[in-house]
C-alpha atoms as a PDB file:
ATOM      1  CA  MET A   1      59.350   9.707 181.183  1.00  0.00           C
ATOM      2  CA  VAL A   2      60.262  12.889 182.900  1.00  0.00           C
ATOM      3  CA  ALA A   3      62.872  14.913 181.254  1.00  0.00           C
ATOM      4  CA  LYS A   4      65.757  15.835 183.579  1.00  0.00           C
ATOM      5  CA  ARG A   5      66.288  19.545 184.486  1.00  0.00           C
ATOM      6  CA  SER A   6      69.519  21.075 183.307  1.00  0.00           C
ATOM      7  CA  THR A   7      71.894  21.680 186.262  1.00  0.00           C
ATOM      8  CA  LYS A   8      74.104  23.851 183.893  1.00  0.00           C
ATOM      9  CA  LYS A   9      74.695  27.250 185.692  1.00  0.00           C
ATOM     10  CA  ARG A  10      73.635  30.110 183.500  1.00  0.00           C
ATOM     11  CA  VAL A  11      76.456  32.387 182.498  1.00  0.00           C
ATOM     12  CA  THR A  12      76.091  35.897 184.180  1.00  0.00           C
ATOM     13  CA  GLU A  13      79.774  37.185 183.663  1.00  0.00           C
ATOM     14  CA  LEU A  14      81.965  38.014 180.742  1.00  0.00           C
ATOM     15  CA  GLU A  15      85.636  38.808 181.615  1.00  0.00           C
ATOM     16  CA  SER A  16      87.434  41.921 180.501  1.00  0.00           C
ATOM     17  CA  PHE A  17      90.681  41.730 178.750  1.00  0.00           C
ATOM     18  CA  MET A  18      92.720  44.639 180.061  1.00  0.00           C
ATOM     19  CA  GLU A  19      95.254  43.743 182.674  1.00  0.00           C
ATOM     20  CA  GLN A  20      96.328  40.966 180.349  1.00  0.00           C
ATOM     21  CA  THR A  21      96.497  43.119 177.167  1.00  0.00           C
ATOM     22  CA  ASN A  22     100.187  44.074 177.613  1.00  0.00           C
ATOM     23  CA  GLY A  23     101.319  40.339 177.780  1.00  0.00           C
ATOM     24  CA  GLY A  24     100.961  40.410 181.529  1.00  0.00           C
ATOM     25  CA  GLY A  25     103.889  42.761 181.787  1.00  0.00           C
ATOM     26  CA  SER A  26     104.054  46.228 183.161  1.00  0.00           C
ATOM     27  CA  PRO A  27     106.957  48.816 182.646  1.00  0.00           C
ATOM     28  CA  GLU A  28     109.069  50.126 185.482  1.00  0.00           C
ATOM     29  CA  ASN A  29     108.518  53.536 186.653  1.00  0.00           C
ATOM     30  CA  VAL A  30     111.602  55.104 185.170  1.00  0.00           C
ATOM     31  CA  GLU A  31     111.789  58.932 184.718  1.00  0.00           C
ATOM     32  CA  GLY A  32     111.995  59.982 181.063  1.00  0.00           C
ATOM     33  CA  PHE A  33     110.570  56.646 179.670  1.00  0.00           C
ATOM     34  CA  ASN A  34     107.857  57.372 177.243  1.00  0.00           C
ATOM     35  CA  PHE A  35     105.109  54.760 177.997  1.00  0.00           C
ATOM     36  CA  PHE A  36     102.665  56.341 175.531  1.00  0.00           C
ATOM     37  CA  ARG A  37     105.157  55.591 172.663  1.00  0.00           C
ATOM     38  CA  ALA A  38     105.479  51.960 173.786  1.00  0.00           C
ATOM     39  CA  ALA A  39     101.747  51.519 174.177  1.00  0.00           C
ATOM     40  CA  THR A  40     100.956  52.654 170.768  1.00  0.00           C
ATOM     41  CA  ALA A  41     103.628  50.739 168.840  1.00  0.00           C
ATOM     42  CA  GLY A  42     102.174  49.161 165.748  1.00  0.00           C
ATOM     43  CA  PHE A  43      99.608  51.775 165.401  1.00  0.00           C
ATOM     44  CA  ARG A  44      99.402  54.655 163.131  1.00  0.00           C
ATOM     45  CA  GLN A  45      98.663  57.918 165.151  1.00  0.00           C
ATOM     46  CA  GLU A  46      96.408  60.331 163.266  1.00  0.00           C
ATOM     47  CA  THR A  47      95.449  63.918 163.613  1.00  0.00           C
ATOM     48  CA  LEU A  48      91.819  64.141 163.141  1.00  0.00           C
ATOM     49  CA  PHE A  49      89.664  67.262 161.970  1.00  0.00           C
ATOM     50  CA  GLY A  50      86.193  67.285 163.372  1.00  0.00           C
ATOM     51  CA  PRO A  51      83.544  69.762 163.017  1.00  0.00           C
ATOM     52  CA  THR A  52      83.710  73.503 164.166  1.00  0.00           C
ATOM     53  CA  VAL A  53      81.013  73.986 166.761  1.00  0.00           C
ATOM     54  CA  LEU A  54      79.057  77.032 165.944  1.00  0.00           C
ATOM     55  CA  ARG A  55      75.867  78.027 167.956  1.00  0.00           C
ATOM     56  CA  ASP A  56      75.934  74.721 169.566  1.00  0.00           C
ATOM     57  CA  ARG A  57      75.591  72.808 166.365  1.00  0.00           C
ATOM     58  CA  PRO A  58      78.360  70.906 164.302  1.00  0.00           C
ATOM     59  CA  ASP A  59      79.072  71.913 160.668  1.00  0.00           C
ATOM     60  CA  GLY A  60      78.894  68.289 159.834  1.00  0.00           C
ATOM     61  CA  GLY A  61      82.500  67.102 160.309  1.00  0.00           C
ATOM     62  CA  PHE A  62      84.229  64.019 158.661  1.00  0.00           C
ATOM     63  CA  PHE A  63      81.339  62.708 156.577  1.00  0.00           C
ATOM     64  CA  SER A  64      78.998  65.607 155.787  1.00  0.00           C
ATOM     65  CA  ASP A  65      78.389  67.182 152.473  1.00  0.00           C
ATOM     66  CA  ALA A  66      74.887  68.248 153.311  1.00  0.00           C
ATOM     67  CA  GLY A  67      73.991  71.269 155.557  1.00  0.00           C
ATOM     68  CA  PRO A  68      73.330  71.089 159.168  1.00  0.00           C
ATOM     69  CA  SER A  69      69.613  70.627 158.944  1.00  0.00           C
ATOM     70  CA  ALA A  70      67.295  67.993 157.664  1.00  0.00           C
ATOM     71  CA  GLU A  71      65.455  68.418 154.548  1.00  0.00           C
ATOM     72  CA  ASP A  72      62.324  69.683 156.197  1.00  0.00           C
ATOM     73  CA  GLY A  73      63.996  72.120 158.296  1.00  0.00           C
ATOM     74  CA  ARG A  74      63.898  70.114 161.603  1.00  0.00           C
ATOM     75  CA  VAL A  75      67.280  69.295 163.086  1.00  0.00           C
ATOM     76  CA  PRO A  76      67.827  65.918 164.709  1.00  0.00           C
ATOM     77  CA  GLY A  77      68.956  65.991 168.321  1.00  0.00           C
ATOM     78  CA  PRO A  78      70.233  63.655 170.889  1.00  0.00           C
ATOM     79  CA  MET A  79      68.128  62.212 173.736  1.00  0.00           C
ATOM     80  CA  SER A  80      68.177  64.402 176.761  1.00  0.00           C
ATOM     81  CA  GLU A  81      71.134  63.899 179.095  1.00  0.00           C
ATOM     82  CA  LYS A  82      71.918  66.324 181.903  1.00  0.00           C
ATOM     83  CA  VAL A  83      74.743  67.538 183.990  1.00  0.00           C
ATOM     84  CA  ILE A  84      73.345  67.382 187.629  1.00  0.00           C
ATOM     85  CA  GLY A  85      74.192  70.610 189.400  1.00  0.00           C
ATOM     86  CA  TYR A  86      77.823  71.324 189.519  1.00  0.00           C
ATOM     87  CA  ASP A  87      79.591  69.776 186.479  1.00  0.00           C
ATOM     88  CA  ASN A  88      82.068  67.416 188.269  1.00  0.00           C
ATOM     89  CA  ARG A  89      83.356  65.756 185.159  1.00  0.00           C
ATOM     90  CA  ALA A  90      87.156  65.474 184.512  1.00  0.00           C
ATOM     91  CA  ARG A  91      88.809  65.420 181.211  1.00  0.00           C
ATOM     92  CA  ILE A  92      90.849  62.354 180.434  1.00  0.00           C
ATOM     93  CA  GLY A  93      94.477  63.328 179.520  1.00  0.00           C
ATOM     94  CA  GLU A  94      96.214  59.907 178.967  1.00  0.00           C
ATOM     95  CA  THR A  95      93.509  58.532 176.596  1.00  0.00           C
ATOM     96  CA  ALA A  96      96.017  55.913 175.192  1.00  0.00           C
ATOM     97  CA  MET A  97      96.087  54.143 178.627  1.00  0.00           C
ATOM     98  CA  LEU A  98      93.598  51.543 179.953  1.00  0.00           C
ATOM     99  CA  PRO A  99      90.641  51.751 180.185  1.00  0.00           C
ATOM    100  CA  TRP A 100      90.370  54.878 178.117  1.00  0.00           C
ATOM    101  CA  ARG A 101      91.611  53.520 174.995  1.00  0.00           C
ATOM    102  CA  CYS A 102      88.831  51.071 174.946  1.00  0.00           C
ATOM    103  CA  ILE A 103      86.265  53.981 174.741  1.00  0.00           C
ATOM    104  CA  CYS A 104      85.684  55.323 171.274  1.00  0.00           C
ATOM    105  CA  HIS A 105      84.510  58.499 169.732  1.00  0.00           C
ATOM    106  CA  LEU A 106      81.819  57.900 167.129  1.00  0.00           C
ATOM    107  CA  GLU A 107      80.932  59.998 164.047  1.00  0.00           C
ATOM    108  CA  VAL A 108      77.941  58.625 162.135  1.00  0.00           C
ATOM    109  CA  GLN A 109      76.942  59.235 158.592  1.00  0.00           C
ATOM    110  CA  TYR A 110      73.246  58.349 158.019  1.00  0.00           C
ATOM    111  CA  ASP A 111      71.163  57.538 154.893  1.00  0.00           C
ATOM    112  CA  ARG A 112      70.276  61.215 154.847  1.00  0.00           C
ATOM    113  CA  GLY A 113      70.723  64.338 156.927  1.00  0.00           C
ATOM    114  CA  PRO A 114      73.508  65.697 158.992  1.00  0.00           C
ATOM    115  CA  VAL A 115      76.138  63.573 160.743  1.00  0.00           C
ATOM    116  CA  GLY A 116      75.533  62.389 164.193  1.00  0.00           C
ATOM    117  CA  PHE A 117      77.875  61.795 167.282  1.00  0.00           C
ATOM    118  CA  GLY A 118      78.003  59.272 170.010  1.00  0.00           C
ATOM    119  CA  THR A 119      80.314  57.095 172.244  1.00  0.00           C
ATOM    120  CA  GLY A 120      81.079  53.384 172.010  1.00  0.00           C
ATOM    121  CA  PHE A 121      83.284  50.942 173.781  1.00  0.00           C
ATOM    122  CA  ILE A 122      85.255  47.871 172.825  1.00  0.00           C
ATOM    123  CA  ALA A 123      83.208  44.850 174.243  1.00  0.00           C
ATOM    124  CA  GLY A 124      85.211  41.920 172.623  1.00  0.00           C
ATOM    125  CA  GLU A 125      87.885  41.044 170.283  1.00  0.00           C
ATOM    126  CA  ASN A 126      85.909  42.228 167.286  1.00  0.00           C
ATOM    127  CA  LEU A 127      82.847  43.923 168.873  1.00  0.00           C
ATOM    128  CA  LEU A 128      81.970  47.555 169.689  1.00  0.00           C
ATOM    129  CA  LEU A 129      78.757  48.422 171.720  1.00  0.00           C
ATOM    130  CA  THR A 130      76.830  51.632 171.642  1.00  0.00           C
ATOM    131  CA  ALA A 131      73.230  52.824 172.104  1.00  0.00           C
ATOM    132  CA  ALA A 132      70.712  52.014 169.501  1.00  0.00           C
ATOM    133  CA  HIS A 133      69.702  55.546 169.025  1.00  0.00           C
ATOM    134  CA  VAL A 134      73.149  56.538 167.930  1.00  0.00           C
ATOM    135  CA  LEU A 135      72.779  54.256 164.893  1.00  0.00           C
ATOM    136  CA  VAL A 136      69.045  54.825 164.346  1.00  0.00           C
ATOM    137  CA  ASP A 137      68.221  58.438 164.674  1.00  0.00           C
ATOM    138  CA  ARG A 138      64.439  59.481 165.213  1.00  0.00           C
ATOM    139  CA  GLY A 139      65.290  62.814 166.803  1.00  0.00           C
ATOM    140  CA  ALA A 140      63.536  64.655 163.937  1.00  0.00           C
ATOM    141  CA  TYR A 141      60.816  62.094 162.702  1.00  0.00           C
ATOM    142  CA  GLY A 142      59.629  60.409 165.833  1.00  0.00           C
ATOM    143  CA  TRP A 143      58.260  56.881 165.483  1.00  0.00           C
ATOM    144  CA  GLN A 144      55.594  57.364 162.770  1.00  0.00           C
ATOM    145  CA  GLU A 145      57.987  58.024 159.968  1.00  0.00           C
ATOM    146  CA  LYS A 146      61.169  56.379 158.588  1.00  0.00           C
ATOM    147  CA  PRO A 147      64.216  57.017 160.859  1.00  0.00           C
ATOM    148  CA  ARG A 148      67.738  57.953 159.691  1.00  0.00           C
ATOM    149  CA  ILE A 149      69.847  54.749 159.473  1.00  0.00           C
ATOM    150  CA  ALA A 150      73.594  54.728 159.986  1.00  0.00           C
ATOM    151  CA  ARG A 151      75.555  53.823 156.902  1.00  0.00           C
ATOM    152  CA  ARG A 152      79.002  54.346 158.011  1.00  0.00           C
ATOM    153  CA  VAL A 153      80.718  54.974 161.356  1.00  0.00           C
ATOM    154  CA  ARG A 154      84.018  56.508 161.789  1.00  0.00           C
ATOM    155  CA  ILE A 155      85.586  55.104 165.139  1.00  0.00           C
ATOM    156  CA  ALA A 156      88.516  56.636 167.035  1.00  0.00           C
ATOM    157  CA  PRO A 157      89.622  54.583 170.051  1.00  0.00           C
ATOM    158  CA  GLY A 158      90.922  56.884 172.856  1.00  0.00           C
ATOM    159  CA  ARG A 159      90.496  60.031 170.913  1.00  0.00           C
ATOM    160  CA  ASP A 160      91.678  63.258 172.395  1.00  0.00           C
ATOM    161  CA  ALA A 161      90.603  66.186 170.462  1.00  0.00           C
ATOM    162  CA  THR A 162      92.634  66.154 167.217  1.00  0.00           C
ATOM    163  CA  LEU A 163      94.964  63.282 168.368  1.00  0.00           C
ATOM    164  CA  ALA A 164      93.789  59.697 167.601  1.00  0.00           C
ATOM    165  CA  PRO A 165      96.569  57.750 169.262  1.00  0.00           C
ATOM    166  CA  TYR A 166      95.499  54.371 167.581  1.00  0.00           C
ATOM    167  CA  GLY A 167      94.102  56.066 164.382  1.00  0.00           C
ATOM    168  CA  ALA A 168      90.665  55.968 163.277  1.00  0.00           C
ATOM    169  CA  PHE A 169      88.801  53.668 160.931  1.00  0.00           C
ATOM    170  CA  VAL A 170      85.551  53.638 159.034  1.00  0.00           C
ATOM    171  CA  VAL A 171      83.149  50.813 159.322  1.00  0.00           C
ATOM    172  CA  ASP A 172      80.336  50.227 156.798  1.00  0.00           C
ATOM    173  CA  ILE A 173      76.866  49.342 158.298  1.00  0.00           C
ATOM    174  CA  PRO A 174      75.099  46.626 156.459  1.00  0.00           C
ATOM    175  CA  GLU A 175      71.928  47.962 154.690  1.00  0.00           C
ATOM    176  CA  ASP A 176      69.926  44.760 155.352  1.00  0.00           C
ATOM    177  CA  PRO A 177      68.544  45.241 158.885  1.00  0.00           C
ATOM    178  CA  ALA A 178      68.765  41.328 159.397  1.00  0.00           C
ATOM    179  CA  GLU A 179      72.664  41.758 159.023  1.00  0.00           C
ATOM    180  CA  GLN A 180      72.853  44.708 161.613  1.00  0.00           C
ATOM    181  CA  LEU A 181      73.524  44.326 165.182  1.00  0.00           C
ATOM    182  CA  ILE A 182      70.507  46.282 166.172  1.00  0.00           C
ATOM    183  CA  PRO A 183      67.285  45.266 167.750  1.00  0.00           C
ATOM    184  CA  GLU A 184      64.560  44.906 164.979  1.00  0.00           C
ATOM    185  CA  ILE A 185      62.113  47.176 167.010  1.00  0.00           C
ATOM    186  CA  TRP A 186      64.363  50.223 166.076  1.00  0.00           C
ATOM    187  CA  HIS A 187      63.539  49.952 162.390  1.00  0.00           C
ATOM    188  CA  ARG A 188      59.744  50.030 162.646  1.00  0.00           C
ATOM    189  CA  ASP A 189      57.854  53.029 160.977  1.00  0.00           C
ATOM    190  CA  GLY A 190      54.437  53.774 159.509  1.00  0.00           C
ATOM    191  CA  LEU A 191      52.812  53.419 162.849  1.00  0.00           C
ATOM    192  CA  SER A 192      49.765  55.183 164.138  1.00  0.00           C
ATOM    193  CA  LYS A 193      50.106  57.647 166.916  1.00  0.00           C
ATOM    194  CA  GLU A 194      48.993  55.135 169.510  1.00  0.00           C
ATOM    195  CA  GLU A 195      51.285  52.508 168.187  1.00  0.00           C
ATOM    196  CA  ALA A 196      54.251  54.780 167.994  1.00  0.00           C
ATOM    197  CA  MET A 197      54.004  55.735 171.730  1.00  0.00           C
ATOM    198  CA  GLU A 198      53.858  51.923 172.701  1.00  0.00           C
ATOM    199  CA  VAL A 199      56.666  50.960 170.482  1.00  0.00           C
ATOM    200  CA  GLU A 200      58.798  53.900 171.605  1.00  0.00           C
ATOM    201  CA  GLN A 201      58.534  52.794 175.285  1.00  0.00           C
ATOM    202  CA  ALA A 202      59.354  49.106 174.253  1.00  0.00           C
ATOM    203  CA  ALA A 203      62.278  50.341 172.251  1.00  0.00           C
ATOM    204  CA  LEU A 204      63.834  52.202 175.170  1.00  0.00           C
ATOM    205  CA  SER A 205      64.337  48.874 176.910  1.00  0.00           C
ATOM    206  CA  GLN A 206      66.253  47.699 173.793  1.00  0.00           C
ATOM    207  CA  ASP A 207      68.492  50.814 173.335  1.00  0.00           C
ATOM    208  CA  TYR A 208      71.617  48.909 172.619  1.00  0.00           C
ATOM    209  CA  ALA A 209      73.501  48.008 169.338  1.00  0.00           C
ATOM    210  CA  GLY A 210      76.761  46.455 168.133  1.00  0.00           C
ATOM    211  CA  ILE A 211      79.198  47.135 165.341  1.00  0.00           C
ATOM    212  CA  ARG A 212      81.545  44.516 164.089  1.00  0.00           C
ATOM    213  CA  LEU A 213      85.304  45.536 164.121  1.00  0.00           C
ATOM    214  CA  ASP A 214      87.291  43.782 161.271  1.00  0.00           C
ATOM    215  CA  ARG A 215      90.354  45.883 161.536  1.00  0.00           C
ATOM    216  CA  GLU A 216      93.438  44.040 162.562  1.00  0.00           C
ATOM    217  CA  VAL A 217      96.811  45.307 163.698  1.00  0.00           C
ATOM    218  CA  ARG A 218      99.739  43.166 163.117  1.00  0.00           C
ATOM    219  CA  GLY A 219      97.543  40.159 162.487  1.00  0.00           C
ATOM    220  CA  GLU A 220      95.492  40.545 165.754  1.00  0.00           C
ATOM    221  CA  CYS A 221      91.885  41.968 166.188  1.00  0.00           C
ATOM    222  CA  ILE A 222      91.782  45.369 167.596  1.00  0.00           C
ATOM    223  CA  GLY A 223      90.052  44.335 170.772  1.00  0.00           C
ATOM    224  CA  LYS A 224      92.894  41.895 171.453  1.00  0.00           C
ATOM    225  CA  ARG A 225      95.537  44.733 170.994  1.00  0.00           C
ATOM    226  CA  LEU A 226      93.822  47.424 172.762  1.00  0.00           C
ATOM    227  CA  GLY A 227      91.808  45.351 175.289  1.00  0.00           C
ATOM    228  CA  HIS A 228      87.965  45.242 175.887  1.00  0.00           C
ATOM    229  CA  PHE A 229      85.597  45.430 178.859  1.00  0.00           C
ATOM    230  CA  GLY A 230      84.000  42.698 180.603  1.00  0.00           C
ATOM    231  CA  PHE A 231      80.349  42.288 181.597  1.00  0.00           C
ATOM    232  CA  LYS A 232      78.530  41.414 184.643  1.00  0.00           C
ATOM    233  CA  GLU A 233      74.708  41.062 185.231  1.00  0.00           C
ATOM    234  CA  PHE A 234      73.755  43.458 187.939  1.00  0.00           C
ATOM    235  CA  ASP A 235      71.465  40.956 189.703  1.00  0.00           C
ATOM    236  CA  SER A 236      74.287  38.428 190.115  1.00  0.00           C
ATOM    237  CA  ILE A 237      76.446  40.887 192.171  1.00  0.00           C
ATOM    238  CA  ASP A 238      76.271  40.255 195.926  1.00  0.00           C
ATOM    239  CA  GLU A 239      73.273  42.056 197.395  1.00  0.00           C
ATOM    240  CA  LYS A 240      75.374  43.839 199.972  1.00  0.00           C
ATOM    241  CA  ASP A 241      77.593  45.242 197.139  1.00  0.00           C
ATOM    242  CA  ARG A 242      74.574  46.139 194.861  1.00  0.00           C
ATOM    243  CA  ASP A 243      73.087  48.770 197.153  1.00  0.00           C
ATOM    244  CA  PHE A 244      74.664  52.152 196.099  1.00  0.00           C
ATOM    245  CA  LEU A 245      77.265  50.469 193.942  1.00  0.00           C
ATOM    246  CA  PHE A 246      79.964  52.948 192.845  1.00  0.00           C
ATOM    247  CA  VAL A 247      80.197  53.136 189.107  1.00  0.00           C
ATOM    248  CA  ASN A 248      82.193  54.799 186.509  1.00  0.00           C
ATOM    249  CA  THR A 249      81.556  56.096 183.058  1.00  0.00           C
ATOM    250  CA  ALA A 250      83.346  58.214 180.478  1.00  0.00           C
ATOM    251  CA  GLY A 251      82.366  59.495 177.021  1.00  0.00           C
ATOM    252  CA  TYR A 252      82.464  62.188 174.492  1.00  0.00           C
ATOM    253  CA  PRO A 253      80.047  64.936 175.033  1.00  0.00           C
ATOM    254  CA  HIS A 254      78.951  67.102 172.165  1.00  0.00           C
ATOM    255  CA  SER A 255      78.992  70.368 174.098  1.00  0.00           C
ATOM    256  CA  PRO A 256      79.781  74.009 173.292  1.00  0.00           C
ATOM    257  CA  ASN A 257      81.940  74.338 176.286  1.00  0.00           C
ATOM    258  CA  LYS A 258      83.941  71.056 175.861  1.00  0.00           C
ATOM    259  CA  PRO A 259      86.579  70.753 173.119  1.00  0.00           C
ATOM    260  CA  TYR A 260      85.354  68.512 170.275  1.00  0.00           C
ATOM    261  CA  GLY A 261      86.377  64.814 170.550  1.00  0.00           C
ATOM    262  CA  THR A 262      87.661  65.072 174.195  1.00  0.00           C
ATOM    263  CA  LEU A 263      87.020  62.258 176.616  1.00  0.00           C
ATOM    264  CA  TRP A 264      85.265  63.242 179.885  1.00  0.00           C
ATOM    265  CA  TYR A 265      84.982  60.981 183.089  1.00  0.00           C
ATOM    266  CA  ASN A 266      82.709  60.955 186.127  1.00  0.00           C
ATOM    267  CA  ALA A 267      81.598  58.515 188.774  1.00  0.00           C
ATOM    268  CA  GLY A 268      78.869  58.058 191.587  1.00  0.00           C
ATOM    269  CA  ARG A 269      76.597  55.831 193.411  1.00  0.00           C
ATOM    270  CA  THR A 270      73.741  53.938 191.783  1.00  0.00           C
ATOM    271  CA  ALA A 271      70.229  54.705 193.080  1.00  0.00           C
ATOM    272  CA  GLU A 272      67.993  51.937 194.649  1.00  0.00           C
ATOM    273  CA  GLN A 273      67.334  49.295 191.983  1.00  0.00           C
ATOM    274  CA  HIS A 274      64.081  47.179 191.367  1.00  0.00           C
ATOM    275  CA  HIS A 275      64.525  43.769 190.042  1.00  0.00           C
ATOM    276  CA  ASP A 276      62.043  44.160 187.233  1.00  0.00           C
ATOM    277  CA  ASP A 277      63.479  47.291 185.934  1.00  0.00           C
ATOM    278  CA  ALA A 278      65.319  47.587 182.600  1.00  0.00           C
ATOM    279  CA  PHE A 279      67.333  50.521 183.727  1.00  0.00           C
ATOM    280  CA  ILE A 280      69.703  51.643 186.373  1.00  0.00           C
ATOM    281  CA  ASP A 281      69.847  55.221 187.731  1.00  0.00           C
ATOM    282  CA  TYR A 282      73.036  56.946 188.919  1.00  0.00           C
ATOM    283  CA  MET A 283      73.932  60.495 190.136  1.00  0.00           C
ATOM    284  CA  VAL A 284      76.634  60.914 187.460  1.00  0.00           C
ATOM    285  CA  ASP A 285      76.967  64.008 185.010  1.00  0.00           C
ATOM    286  CA  THR A 286      76.666  63.285 181.269  1.00  0.00           C
ATOM    287  CA  GLU A 287      75.561  65.325 178.301  1.00  0.00           C
ATOM    288  CA  GLY A 288      74.533  64.748 174.809  1.00  0.00           C
ATOM    289  CA  GLY A 289      77.165  62.753 172.767  1.00  0.00           C
ATOM    290  CA  GLN A 290      77.825  60.442 175.703  1.00  0.00           C
ATOM    291  CA  SER A 291      74.941  57.996 174.772  1.00  0.00           C
ATOM    292  CA  GLY A 292      76.614  54.606 174.357  1.00  0.00           C
ATOM    293  CA  SER A 293      79.135  55.026 176.989  1.00  0.00           C
ATOM    294  CA  PRO A 294      80.024  52.123 179.354  1.00  0.00           C
ATOM    295  CA  VAL A 295      78.880  52.232 182.815  1.00  0.00           C
ATOM    296  CA  TRP A 296      81.231  50.017 184.937  1.00  0.00           C
ATOM    297  CA  PHE A 297      82.522  49.147 188.284  1.00  0.00           C
ATOM    298  CA  TYR A 298      86.023  47.884 189.117  1.00  0.00           C
ATOM    299  CA  ASP A 299      86.301  44.612 191.011  1.00  0.00           C
ATOM    300  CA  LYS A 300      89.348  45.073 193.123  1.00  0.00           C
ATOM    301  CA  ARG A 301      89.462  41.343 194.175  1.00  0.00           C
ATOM    302  CA  ARG A 302      89.314  40.303 190.590  1.00  0.00           C
ATOM    303  CA  ALA A 303      91.240  43.173 188.921  1.00  0.00           C
ATOM    304  CA  GLN A 304      88.385  43.286 186.459  1.00  0.00           C
ATOM    305  CA  ARG A 305      86.268  46.154 184.885  1.00  0.00           C
ATOM    306  CA  PHE A 306      82.805  44.840 184.584  1.00  0.00           C
ATOM    307  CA  VAL A 307      80.175  46.837 182.468  1.00  0.00           C
ATOM    308  CA  ILE A 308      76.727  46.453 184.048  1.00  0.00           C
ATOM    309  CA  ALA A 309      74.865  49.144 181.717  1.00  0.00           C
ATOM    310  CA  ILE A 310      75.030  51.370 178.653  1.00  0.00           C
ATOM    311  CA  HIS A 311      74.497  54.871 179.181  1.00  0.00           C
ATOM    312  CA  THR A 312      71.376  55.963 177.208  1.00  0.00           C
ATOM    313  CA  THR A 313      69.472  59.107 178.611  1.00  0.00           C
ATOM    314  CA  GLY A 314      68.614  60.982 181.754  1.00  0.00           C
ATOM    315  CA  ASP A 315      67.279  63.965 183.508  1.00  0.00           C
ATOM    316  CA  PHE A 316      67.941  64.846 187.010  1.00  0.00           C
ATOM    317  CA  VAL A 317      69.184  61.289 187.625  1.00  0.00           C
ATOM    318  CA  ASN A 318      70.839  59.854 184.634  1.00  0.00           C
ATOM    319  CA  ARG A 319      70.198  56.482 183.479  1.00  0.00           C
ATOM    320  CA  GLY A 320      71.627  53.453 181.685  1.00  0.00           C
ATOM    321  CA  LEU A 321      70.167  50.285 180.017  1.00  0.00           C
ATOM    322  CA  LEU A 322      71.097  47.326 182.212  1.00  0.00           C
ATOM    323  CA  ILE A 323      72.796  44.414 180.541  1.00  0.00           C
ATOM    324  CA  LYS A 324      70.961  41.478 181.691  1.00  0.00           C
ATOM    325  CA  GLY A 325      68.733  38.608 180.629  1.00  0.00           C
ATOM    326  CA  GLU A 326      68.259  38.564 176.952  1.00  0.00           C
ATOM    327  CA  ILE A 327      70.467  41.647 176.356  1.00  0.00           C
ATOM    328  CA  PHE A 328      73.300  39.915 178.237  1.00  0.00           C
ATOM    329  CA  ASP A 329      72.880  36.754 176.104  1.00  0.00           C
ATOM    330  CA  THR A 330      72.595  38.683 172.990  1.00  0.00           C
ATOM    331  CA  ILE A 331      75.839  40.500 173.571  1.00  0.00           C
ATOM    332  CA  ARG A 332      77.513  37.318 174.527  1.00  0.00           C
ATOM    333  CA  ALA A 333      76.458  35.767 171.224  1.00  0.00           C
ATOM    334  CA  TRP A 334      77.743  38.836 169.376  1.00  0.00           C
ATOM    335  CA  ARG A 335      80.993  38.718 171.260  1.00  0.00           C
ATOM    336  CA  GLU A 336      81.482  34.952 170.606  1.00  0.00           C
ATOM    337  CA  GLY A 337      80.343  35.303 166.921  1.00  0.00           C
END
């Protein structure tokens, strides 16, 4: 007996929840009306005090008791991310608005060493996504020794310098790797030099991680109150639209010439994409600290913001990890779990 082939179409798209976040309603444009106050109703605004930037290094910020260097004197650093030529990034002023309030500043307390920084974005009613290397830091120790593992993360949606329009909250990361939303490969250690090189290359194609958001505001998940991004597999976009697709990104650079905790935006065209690649390249300016930022396009016909990649690294052309195949399916399971 020959088994019947499934005719069920594979899911390649997860919708955003942004236009609907305000109950389908929009305010009238009336001079003097404070939309910021209306949009933040029910949340407790906070004033945040982050690290003072000295010599391009933080003093530790919210979590730190230890000094700014690891115990052996080496200072962990972010993966390389570059501004391409003239810095064309623009600072977001109204961070309480959509979609900016769905992008979060992350301050990470590891099991040892100084605090780390990154960007994340709300990806579901109770899910935040970022890059795995934001939560598992190998900047000082490489792949032959034990990495620094995130234990707590302070999350500030739509942060603007010292203002957190929706407050900030701390999430504890489970100590058991099996309970973490981080690919297992990022926890490997004790490898030989040859093994480490091989595993590192494999891990770069799994440089994504999730954080469960258990905070509620007036009985609703924070992703339902603030909204969240949707997702679309890049290969499922019409081929005529895929070529040189115009994409957006915004994140929180950790830079000596940018105020700490400020959100910066840029956009540009994607480079030619090969179907077997795990990454997508784009001529978009970024810096360290923007790892974990969403890379999305706006579908005008659908009024949907679809994330296609998570920004991870770059050099002359910056790069994001495509959300497709197994990664897409994993994020879908996290989102529905």
